[in-house]
């Protein structure tokens, strides 16, 4: 399975259907595409990553107060990983930085 840009695909379908005088059929096909479930809800994934980032920021702060340097560093490393994952999702998974 792979993810596609459904909006771009619909643009291609509309153009091709119009070219062969089947615009109505093209619109019907676009409606079928719109009705399909998504593989991943990017908004929910982003919310979860932001929650985990905030949790680990608080955890790192608590470990710092307790003088647990190693655990603080591990929590900070997780924060960095969550930041990177958030950037990837915001870029749409294309690898481009926001």
PDB file of N, CA and C in Angstrom:
ATOM      1  N   UNK A   1       0.843  -1.165   0.000  1.00  0.00           N
ATOM      2  CA  UNK A   1       0.000   0.000   0.000  1.00  0.00           C
ATOM      3  C   UNK A   1       0.894   1.235   0.000  1.00  0.00           C
ATOM      4  N   UNK A   2       0.411   2.293  -0.670  1.00  0.00           N
ATOM      5  CA  UNK A   2       1.139   3.544  -0.659  1.00  0.00           C
ATOM      6  C   UNK A   2       0.148   4.691  -0.575  1.00  0.00           C
ATOM      7  N   UNK A   3       0.599   5.797  -0.059  1.00  0.00           N
ATOM      8  CA  UNK A   3      -0.235   6.979   0.026  1.00  0.00           C
ATOM      9  C   UNK A   3      -0.075   7.789  -1.251  1.00  0.00           C
ATOM     10  N   UNK A   4      -1.158   8.385  -1.703  1.00  0.00           N
ATOM     11  CA  UNK A   4      -1.104   9.235  -2.884  1.00  0.00           C
ATOM     12  C   UNK A   4      -1.671  10.606  -2.537  1.00  0.00           C
ATOM     13  N   UNK A   5      -1.427  11.568  -3.396  1.00  0.00           N
ATOM     14  CA  UNK A   5      -2.029  12.886  -3.262  1.00  0.00           C
ATOM     15  C   UNK A   5      -3.371  12.824  -3.989  1.00  0.00           C
ATOM     16  N   UNK A   6      -4.432  12.600  -3.241  1.00  0.00           N
ATOM     17  CA  UNK A   6      -5.760  12.417  -3.835  1.00  0.00           C
ATOM     18  C   UNK A   6      -6.216  13.666  -4.586  1.00  0.00           C
ATOM     19  N   UNK A   7      -5.888  14.841  -4.076  1.00  0.00           N
ATOM     20  CA  UNK A   7      -6.298  16.068  -4.756  1.00  0.00           C
ATOM     21  C   UNK A   7      -5.634  16.181  -6.131  1.00  0.00           C
ATOM     22  N   UNK A   8      -4.366  15.857  -6.201  1.00  0.00           N
ATOM     23  CA  UNK A   8      -3.661  15.890  -7.486  1.00  0.00           C
ATOM     24  C   UNK A   8      -4.236  14.836  -8.433  1.00  0.00           C
ATOM     25  N   UNK A   9      -4.522  13.664  -7.907  1.00  0.00           N
ATOM     26  CA  UNK A   9      -5.103  12.581  -8.705  1.00  0.00           C
ATOM     27  C   UNK A   9      -6.454  13.010  -9.275  1.00  0.00           C
ATOM     28  N   UNK A  10      -7.275  13.664  -8.453  1.00  0.00           N
ATOM     29  CA  UNK A  10      -8.575  14.136  -8.918  1.00  0.00           C
ATOM     30  C   UNK A  10      -8.422  15.191 -10.013  1.00  0.00           C
ATOM     31  N   UNK A  11      -7.411  16.037  -9.904  1.00  0.00           N
ATOM     32  CA  UNK A  11      -7.150  17.039 -10.950  1.00  0.00           C
ATOM     33  C   UNK A  11      -6.822  16.351 -12.268  1.00  0.00           C
ATOM     34  N   UNK A  12      -6.013  15.303 -12.194  1.00  0.00           N
ATOM     35  CA  UNK A  12      -5.653  14.554 -13.401  1.00  0.00           C
ATOM     36  C   UNK A  12      -6.887  13.866 -13.996  1.00  0.00           C
ATOM     37  N   UNK A  13      -7.714  13.286 -13.156  1.00  0.00           N
ATOM     38  CA  UNK A  13      -8.928  12.604 -13.628  1.00  0.00           C
ATOM     39  C   UNK A  13      -9.863  13.606 -14.311  1.00  0.00           C
ATOM     40  N   UNK A  14     -10.055  14.749 -13.658  1.00  0.00           N
ATOM     41  CA  UNK A  14     -10.940  15.772 -14.210  1.00  0.00           C
ATOM     42  C   UNK A  14     -10.438  16.236 -15.579  1.00  0.00           C
ATOM     43  N   UNK A  15      -9.141  16.473 -15.692  1.00  0.00           N
ATOM     44  CA  UNK A  15      -8.567  16.925 -16.966  1.00  0.00           C
ATOM     45  C   UNK A  15      -8.732  15.854 -18.048  1.00  0.00           C
ATOM     46  N   UNK A  16      -8.430  14.614 -17.711  1.00  0.00           N
ATOM     47  CA  UNK A  16      -8.533  13.535 -18.690  1.00  0.00           C
ATOM     48  C   UNK A  16      -9.986  13.308 -19.109  1.00  0.00           C
ATOM     49  N   UNK A  17     -10.904  13.339 -18.138  1.00  0.00           N
ATOM     50  CA  UNK A  17     -12.323  13.116 -18.448  1.00  0.00           C
ATOM     51  C   UNK A  17     -12.869  14.245 -19.313  1.00  0.00           C
ATOM     52  N   UNK A  18     -12.455  15.463 -19.050  1.00  0.00           N
ATOM     53  CA  UNK A  18     -12.904  16.613 -19.846  1.00  0.00           C
ATOM     54  C   UNK A  18     -12.385  16.508 -21.274  1.00  0.00           C
ATOM     55  N   UNK A  19     -11.150  16.052 -21.396  1.00  0.00           N
ATOM     56  CA  UNK A  19     -10.526  15.922 -22.717  1.00  0.00           C
ATOM     57  C   UNK A  19     -11.285  14.941 -23.611  1.00  0.00           C
ATOM     58  N   UNK A  20     -11.864  13.920 -23.014  1.00  0.00           N
ATOM     59  CA  UNK A  20     -12.588  12.920 -23.821  1.00  0.00           C
ATOM     60  C   UNK A  20     -14.107  13.069 -23.671  1.00  0.00           C
ATOM     61  N   UNK A  21     -14.535  14.289 -23.289  1.00  0.00           N
ATOM     62  CA  UNK A  21     -15.958  14.615 -23.164  1.00  0.00           C
ATOM     63  C   UNK A  21     -16.699  13.682 -22.213  1.00  0.00           C
ATOM     64  N   UNK A  22     -16.074  13.380 -21.073  1.00  0.00           N
ATOM     65  CA  UNK A  22     -16.704  12.549 -20.044  1.00  0.00           C
ATOM     66  C   UNK A  22     -16.582  13.231 -18.681  1.00  0.00           C
ATOM     67  N   UNK A  23     -16.792  14.545 -18.655  1.00  0.00           N
ATOM     68  CA  UNK A  23     -16.633  15.320 -17.431  1.00  0.00           C
ATOM     69  C   UNK A  23     -17.528  14.808 -16.315  1.00  0.00           C
ATOM     70  N   UNK A  24     -18.750  14.436 -16.638  1.00  0.00           N
ATOM     71  CA  UNK A  24     -19.686  13.939 -15.627  1.00  0.00           C
ATOM     72  C   UNK A  24     -19.160  12.660 -14.977  1.00  0.00           C
ATOM     73  N   UNK A  25     -18.633  11.764 -15.782  1.00  0.00           N
ATOM     74  CA  UNK A  25     -18.079  10.516 -15.257  1.00  0.00           C
ATOM     75  C   UNK A  25     -16.839  10.796 -14.409  1.00  0.00           C
ATOM     76  N   UNK A  26     -16.050  11.774 -14.834  1.00  0.00           N
ATOM     77  CA  UNK A  26     -14.874  12.161 -14.061  1.00  0.00           C
ATOM     78  C   UNK A  26     -15.252  12.682 -12.689  1.00  0.00           C
ATOM     79  N   UNK A  27     -16.318  13.503 -12.641  1.00  0.00           N
ATOM     80  CA  UNK A  27     -16.790  14.027 -11.356  1.00  0.00           C
ATOM     81  C   UNK A  27     -17.282  12.892 -10.458  1.00  0.00           C
ATOM     82  N   UNK A  28     -17.950  11.911 -11.051  1.00  0.00           N
ATOM     83  CA  UNK A  28     -18.425  10.762 -10.280  1.00  0.00           C
ATOM     84  C   UNK A  28     -17.243   9.997  -9.692  1.00  0.00           C
ATOM     85  N   UNK A  29     -16.212   9.799 -10.493  1.00  0.00           N
ATOM     86  CA  UNK A  29     -15.026   9.097 -10.024  1.00  0.00           C
ATOM     87  C   UNK A  29     -14.345   9.869  -8.892  1.00  0.00           C
ATOM     88  N   UNK A  30     -14.307  11.207  -9.005  1.00  0.00           N
ATOM     89  CA  UNK A  30     -13.713  12.040  -7.943  1.00  0.00           C
ATOM     90  C   UNK A  30     -14.498  11.904  -6.642  1.00  0.00           C
ATOM     91  N   UNK A  31     -15.812  11.791  -6.742  1.00  0.00           N
ATOM     92  CA  UNK A  31     -16.642  11.593  -5.545  1.00  0.00           C
ATOM     93  C   UNK A  31     -16.320  10.250  -4.881  1.00  0.00           C
ATOM     94  N   UNK A  32     -16.063   9.243  -5.690  1.00  0.00           N
ATOM     95  CA  UNK A  32     -15.690   7.924  -5.151  1.00  0.00           C
ATOM     96  C   UNK A  32     -14.362   8.026  -4.406  1.00  0.00           C
ATOM     97  N   UNK A  33     -13.420   8.762  -4.979  1.00  0.00           N
ATOM     98  CA  UNK A  33     -12.119   8.964  -4.317  1.00  0.00           C
ATOM     99  C   UNK A  33     -12.323   9.667  -2.979  1.00  0.00           C
ATOM    100  N   UNK A  34     -13.146  10.717  -2.954  1.00  0.00           N
ATOM    101  CA  UNK A  34     -13.397  11.464  -1.715  1.00  0.00           C
ATOM    102  C   UNK A  34     -14.029  10.599  -0.636  1.00  0.00           C
ATOM    103  N   UNK A  35     -14.783   9.590  -1.030  1.00  0.00           N
ATOM    104  CA  UNK A  35     -15.482   8.737  -0.067  1.00  0.00           C
ATOM    105  C   UNK A  35     -14.566   7.695   0.584  1.00  0.00           C
ATOM    106  N   UNK A  36     -13.337   7.568   0.089  1.00  0.00           N
ATOM    107  CA  UNK A  36     -12.432   6.546   0.612  1.00  0.00           C
ATOM    108  C   UNK A  36     -11.862   6.950   1.969  1.00  0.00           C
ATOM    109  N   UNK A  37     -11.704   5.969   2.863  1.00  0.00           N
ATOM    110  CA  UNK A  37     -11.106   6.279   4.174  1.00  0.00           C
ATOM    111  C   UNK A  37      -9.616   6.583   4.011  1.00  0.00           C
ATOM    112  N   UNK A  38      -9.100   7.367   4.929  1.00  0.00           N
ATOM    113  CA  UNK A  38      -7.668   7.659   4.889  1.00  0.00           C
ATOM    114  C   UNK A  38      -6.906   6.592   5.655  1.00  0.00           C
ATOM    115  N   UNK A  39      -5.676   6.379   5.268  1.00  0.00           N
ATOM    116  CA  UNK A  39      -4.827   5.395   5.924  1.00  0.00           C
ATOM    117  C   UNK A  39      -4.339   5.923   7.264  1.00  0.00           C
ATOM    118  N   UNK A  40      -4.078   7.218   7.304  1.00  0.00           N
ATOM    119  CA  UNK A  40      -3.528   7.838   8.503  1.00  0.00           C
ATOM    120  C   UNK A  40      -4.165   9.200   8.697  1.00  0.00           C
ATOM    121  N   UNK A  41      -4.640   9.451   9.896  1.00  0.00           N
ATOM    122  CA  UNK A  41      -5.183  10.767  10.217  1.00  0.00           C
ATOM    123  C   UNK A  41      -4.018  11.618  10.703  1.00  0.00           C
ATOM    124  N   UNK A  42      -3.491  12.447   9.807  1.00  0.00           N
ATOM    125  CA  UNK A  42      -2.302  13.242  10.119  1.00  0.00           C
ATOM    126  C   UNK A  42      -2.543  14.176  11.298  1.00  0.00           C
ATOM    127  N   UNK A  43      -3.752  14.728  11.404  1.00  0.00           N
ATOM    128  CA  UNK A  43      -4.060  15.648  12.494  1.00  0.00           C
ATOM    129  C   UNK A  43      -3.967  14.930  13.841  1.00  0.00           C
ATOM    130  N   UNK A  44      -4.533  13.723  13.913  1.00  0.00           N
ATOM    131  CA  UNK A  44      -4.469  12.955  15.163  1.00  0.00           C
ATOM    132  C   UNK A  44      -3.033  12.541  15.479  1.00  0.00           C
ATOM    133  N   UNK A  45      -2.299  12.144  14.460  1.00  0.00           N
ATOM    134  CA  UNK A  45      -0.905  11.750  14.674  1.00  0.00           C
ATOM    135  C   UNK A  45      -0.094  12.932  15.190  1.00  0.00           C
ATOM    136  N   UNK A  46      -0.335  14.114  14.621  1.00  0.00           N
ATOM    137  CA  UNK A  46       0.371  15.320  15.053  1.00  0.00           C
ATOM    138  C   UNK A  46       0.023  15.663  16.497  1.00  0.00           C
ATOM    139  N   UNK A  47      -1.250  15.569  16.852  1.00  0.00           N
ATOM    140  CA  UNK A  47      -1.670  15.848  18.229  1.00  0.00           C
ATOM    141  C   UNK A  47      -0.994  14.895  19.213  1.00  0.00           C
ATOM    142  N   UNK A  48      -0.923  13.618  18.864  1.00  0.00           N
ATOM    143  CA  UNK A  48      -0.308  12.622  19.744  1.00  0.00           C
ATOM    144  C   UNK A  48       1.188  12.899  19.923  1.00  0.00           C
ATOM    145  N   UNK A  49       1.869  13.234  18.840  1.00  0.00           N
ATOM    146  CA  UNK A  49       3.301  13.543  18.933  1.00  0.00           C
ATOM    147  C   UNK A  49       3.553  14.790  19.773  1.00  0.00           C
ATOM    148  N   UNK A  50       2.702  15.799  19.623  1.00  0.00           N
ATOM    149  CA  UNK A  50       2.846  17.018  20.424  1.00  0.00           C
ATOM    150  C   UNK A  50       2.619  16.722  21.907  1.00  0.00           C
ATOM    151  N   UNK A  51       1.651  15.848  22.200  1.00  0.00           N
ATOM    152  CA  UNK A  51       1.407  15.456  23.593  1.00  0.00           C
ATOM    153  C   UNK A  51       2.629  14.745  24.163  1.00  0.00           C
ATOM    154  N   UNK A  52       3.166  13.795  23.414  1.00  0.00           N
ATOM    155  CA  UNK A  52       4.339  13.053  23.887  1.00  0.00           C
ATOM    156  C   UNK A  52       5.554  13.963  24.064  1.00  0.00           C
ATOM    157  N   UNK A  53       5.702  14.942  23.172  1.00  0.00           N
ATOM    158  CA  UNK A  53       6.798  15.904  23.306  1.00  0.00           C
ATOM    159  C   UNK A  53       6.652  16.694  24.598  1.00  0.00           C
ATOM    160  N   UNK A  54       5.441  17.228  24.844  1.00  0.00           N
ATOM    161  CA  UNK A  54       5.208  18.007  26.079  1.00  0.00           C
ATOM    162  C   UNK A  54       5.453  17.140  27.318  1.00  0.00           C
ATOM    163  N   UNK A  55       4.986  15.903  27.281  1.00  0.00           N
ATOM    164  CA  UNK A  55       5.175  14.990  28.415  1.00  0.00           C
ATOM    165  C   UNK A  55       6.660  14.804  28.707  1.00  0.00           C
ATOM    166  N   UNK A  56       7.450  14.596  27.665  1.00  0.00           N
ATOM    167  CA  UNK A  56       8.883  14.374  27.869  1.00  0.00           C
ATOM    168  C   UNK A  56       9.616  15.642  28.258  1.00  0.00           C
ATOM    169  N   UNK A  57       9.132  16.818  27.852  1.00  0.00           N
ATOM    170  CA  UNK A  57       9.705  18.080  28.321  1.00  0.00           C
ATOM    171  C   UNK A  57       9.524  18.168  29.838  1.00  0.00           C
ATOM    172  N   UNK A  58       8.308  17.866  30.295  1.00  0.00           N
ATOM    173  CA  UNK A  58       8.026  17.892  31.734  1.00  0.00           C
ATOM    174  C   UNK A  58       8.835  16.835  32.479  1.00  0.00           C
ATOM    175  N   UNK A  59       8.970  15.666  31.882  1.00  0.00           N
ATOM    176  CA  UNK A  59       9.738  14.583  32.489  1.00  0.00           C
ATOM    177  C   UNK A  59      11.210  14.973  32.618  1.00  0.00           C
ATOM    178  N   UNK A  60      11.759  15.573  31.571  1.00  0.00           N
ATOM    179  CA  UNK A  60      13.161  16.007  31.602  1.00  0.00           C
ATOM    180  C   UNK A  60      13.368  17.043  32.696  1.00  0.00           C
ATOM    181  N   UNK A  61      12.419  17.960  32.822  1.00  0.00           N
ATOM    182  CA  UNK A  61      12.507  18.984  33.862  1.00  0.00           C
ATOM    183  C   UNK A  61      12.481  18.355  35.253  1.00  0.00           C
ATOM    184  N   UNK A  62      11.628  17.386  35.444  1.00  0.00           N
ATOM    185  CA  UNK A  62      11.515  16.711  36.741  1.00  0.00           C
ATOM    186  C   UNK A  62      12.795  15.933  37.055  1.00  0.00           C
ATOM    187  N   UNK A  63      13.329  15.236  36.070  1.00  0.00           N
ATOM    188  CA  UNK A  63      14.589  14.507  36.282  1.00  0.00           C
ATOM    189  C   UNK A  63      15.727  15.475  36.598  1.00  0.00           C
ATOM    190  N   UNK A  64      15.730  16.635  35.945  1.00  0.00           N
ATOM    191  CA  UNK A  64      16.758  17.633  36.203  1.00  0.00           C
ATOM    192  C   UNK A  64      16.684  18.101  37.658  1.00  0.00           C
ATOM    193  N   UNK A  65      15.481  18.352  38.139  1.00  0.00           N
ATOM    194  CA  UNK A  65      15.299  18.790  39.530  1.00  0.00           C
ATOM    195  C   UNK A  65      15.769  17.719  40.519  1.00  0.00           C
ATOM    196  N   UNK A  66      15.607  16.460  40.128  1.00  0.00           N
ATOM    197  CA  UNK A  66      15.990  15.351  41.000  1.00  0.00           C
ATOM    198  C   UNK A  66      17.468  14.992  40.854  1.00  0.00           C
ATOM    199  N   UNK A  67      18.158  15.646  39.934  1.00  0.00           N
ATOM    200  CA  UNK A  67      19.573  15.371  39.730  1.00  0.00           C
ATOM    201  C   UNK A  67      19.835  14.070  38.992  1.00  0.00           C
ATOM    202  N   UNK A  68      18.844  13.600  38.254  1.00  0.00           N
ATOM    203  CA  UNK A  68      18.996  12.350  37.502  1.00  0.00           C
ATOM    204  C   UNK A  68      19.395  12.687  36.063  1.00  0.00           C
ATOM    205  N   UNK A  69      20.658  13.025  35.905  1.00  0.00           N
ATOM    206  CA  UNK A  69      21.186  13.522  34.635  1.00  0.00           C
ATOM    207  C   UNK A  69      20.947  12.555  33.476  1.00  0.00           C
ATOM    208  N   UNK A  70      21.235  11.283  33.677  1.00  0.00           N
ATOM    209  CA  UNK A  70      21.097  10.300  32.591  1.00  0.00           C
ATOM    210  C   UNK A  70      19.654  10.236  32.109  1.00  0.00           C
ATOM    211  N   UNK A  71      18.699  10.183  33.039  1.00  0.00           N
ATOM    212  CA  UNK A  71      17.291  10.102  32.664  1.00  0.00           C
ATOM    213  C   UNK A  71      16.821  11.400  31.998  1.00  0.00           C
ATOM    214  N   UNK A  72      17.344  12.536  32.470  1.00  0.00           N
ATOM    215  CA  UNK A  72      17.021  13.816  31.865  1.00  0.00           C
ATOM    216  C   UNK A  72      17.481  13.838  30.406  1.00  0.00           C
ATOM    217  N   UNK A  73      18.701  13.350  30.165  1.00  0.00           N
ATOM    218  CA  UNK A  73      19.239  13.330  28.802  1.00  0.00           C
ATOM    219  C   UNK A  73      18.422  12.413  27.893  1.00  0.00           C
ATOM    220  N   UNK A  74      17.975  11.287  28.426  1.00  0.00           N
ATOM    221  CA  UNK A  74      17.137  10.384  27.632  1.00  0.00           C
ATOM    222  C   UNK A  74      15.808  11.055  27.271  1.00  0.00           C
ATOM    223  N   UNK A  75      15.199  11.730  28.232  1.00  0.00           N
ATOM    224  CA  UNK A  75      13.938  12.424  27.975  1.00  0.00           C
ATOM    225  C   UNK A  75      14.148  13.548  26.957  1.00  0.00           C
ATOM    226  N   UNK A  76      15.262  14.263  27.061  1.00  0.00           N
ATOM    227  CA  UNK A  76      15.554  15.331  26.104  1.00  0.00           C
ATOM    228  C   UNK A  76      15.777  14.768  24.700  1.00  0.00           C
ATOM    229  N   UNK A  77      16.394  13.594  24.612  1.00  0.00           N
ATOM    230  CA  UNK A  77      16.595  12.950  23.306  1.00  0.00           C
ATOM    231  C   UNK A  77      15.242  12.587  22.690  1.00  0.00           C
ATOM    232  N   UNK A  78      14.312  12.139  23.535  1.00  0.00           N
ATOM    233  CA  UNK A  78      12.969  11.834  23.036  1.00  0.00           C
ATOM    234  C   UNK A  78      12.279  13.101  22.545  1.00  0.00           C
ATOM    235  N   UNK A  79      12.453  14.196  23.262  1.00  0.00           N
ATOM    236  CA  UNK A  79      11.866  15.473  22.848  1.00  0.00           C
ATOM    237  C   UNK A  79      12.385  15.839  21.456  1.00  0.00           C
ATOM    238  N   UNK A  80      13.686  15.693  21.247  1.00  0.00           N
ATOM    239  CA  UNK A  80      14.270  15.993  19.937  1.00  0.00           C
ATOM    240  C   UNK A  80      13.681  15.093  18.851  1.00  0.00           C
ATOM    241  N   UNK A  81      13.484  13.827  19.162  1.00  0.00           N
ATOM    242  CA  UNK A  81      12.904  12.892  18.189  1.00  0.00           C
ATOM    243  C   UNK A  81      11.462  13.278  17.866  1.00  0.00           C
ATOM    244  N   UNK A  82      10.689  13.657  18.887  1.00  0.00           N
ATOM    245  CA  UNK A  82       9.305  14.073  18.644  1.00  0.00           C
ATOM    246  C   UNK A  82       9.265  15.349  17.819  1.00  0.00           C
ATOM    247  N   UNK A  83      10.177  16.284  18.080  1.00  0.00           N
ATOM    248  CA  UNK A  83      10.240  17.514  17.283  1.00  0.00           C
ATOM    249  C   UNK A  83      10.470  17.180  15.815  1.00  0.00           C
ATOM    250  N   UNK A  84      11.387  16.266  15.553  1.00  0.00           N
ATOM    251  CA  UNK A  84      11.698  15.866  14.178  1.00  0.00           C
ATOM    252  C   UNK A  84      10.495  15.189  13.526  1.00  0.00           C
ATOM    253  N   UNK A  85       9.822  14.319  14.263  1.00  0.00           N
ATOM    254  CA  UNK A  85       8.639  13.641  13.726  1.00  0.00           C
ATOM    255  C   UNK A  85       7.532  14.648  13.405  1.00  0.00           C
ATOM    256  N   UNK A  86       7.370  15.647  14.259  1.00  0.00           N
ATOM    257  CA  UNK A  86       6.366  16.701  14.023  1.00  0.00           C
ATOM    258  C   UNK A  86       6.711  17.472  12.753  1.00  0.00           C
ATOM    259  N   UNK A  87       7.979  17.791  12.564  1.00  0.00           N
ATOM    260  CA  UNK A  87       8.406  18.494  11.347  1.00  0.00           C
ATOM    261  C   UNK A  87       8.103  17.662  10.106  1.00  0.00           C
ATOM    262  N   UNK A  88       8.344  16.364  10.183  1.00  0.00           N
ATOM    263  CA  UNK A  88       8.096  15.476   9.044  1.00  0.00           C
ATOM    264  C   UNK A  88       6.610  15.459   8.702  1.00  0.00           C
ATOM    265  N   UNK A  89       5.766  15.352   9.708  1.00  0.00           N
ATOM    266  CA  UNK A  89       4.327  15.328   9.460  1.00  0.00           C
ATOM    267  C   UNK A  89       3.847  16.659   8.901  1.00  0.00           C
ATOM    268  N   UNK A  90       4.343  17.761   9.457  1.00  0.00           N
ATOM    269  CA  UNK A  90       3.943  19.078   8.951  1.00  0.00           C
ATOM    270  C   UNK A  90       4.358  19.264   7.500  1.00  0.00           C
ATOM    271  N   UNK A  91       5.437  18.633   7.097  1.00  0.00           N
ATOM    272  CA  UNK A  91       5.896  18.709   5.700  1.00  0.00           C
ATOM    273  C   UNK A  91       5.154  17.728   4.830  1.00  0.00           C
ATOM    274  N   UNK A  92       4.214  16.994   5.415  1.00  0.00           N
ATOM    275  CA  UNK A  92       3.424  16.051   4.638  1.00  0.00           C
ATOM    276  C   UNK A  92       4.144  14.748   4.351  1.00  0.00           C
ATOM    277  N   UNK A  93       5.194  14.480   5.103  1.00  0.00           N
ATOM    278  CA  UNK A  93       5.928  13.238   4.914  1.00  0.00           C
ATOM    279  C   UNK A  93       6.820  13.249   3.691  1.00  0.00           C
ATOM    280  N   UNK A  94       7.048  14.440   3.126  1.00  0.00           N
ATOM    281  CA  UNK A  94       7.836  14.535   1.894  1.00  0.00           C
ATOM    282  C   UNK A  94       9.324  14.613   2.158  1.00  0.00           C
ATOM    283  N   UNK A  95       9.704  14.814   3.415  1.00  0.00           N
ATOM    284  CA  UNK A  95      11.109  14.948   3.750  1.00  0.00           C
ATOM    285  C   UNK A  95      11.589  16.388   3.676  1.00  0.00           C
ATOM    286  N   UNK A  96      10.710  17.284   3.183  1.00  0.00           N
ATOM    287  CA  UNK A  96      11.065  18.702   3.112  1.00  0.00           C
ATOM    288  C   UNK A  96      10.830  19.321   4.482  1.00  0.00           C
ATOM    289  N   UNK A  97      11.721  20.213   4.872  1.00  0.00           N
ATOM    290  CA  UNK A  97      11.604  20.875   6.176  1.00  0.00           C
ATOM    291  C   UNK A  97      10.632  22.030   6.079  1.00  0.00           C
ATOM    292  N   UNK A  98       9.889  22.246   7.177  1.00  0.00           N
ATOM    293  CA  UNK A  98       8.943  23.372   7.208  1.00  0.00           C
ATOM    294  C   UNK A  98       9.631  24.609   7.701  1.00  0.00           C
TER     295      UNK A  98
END
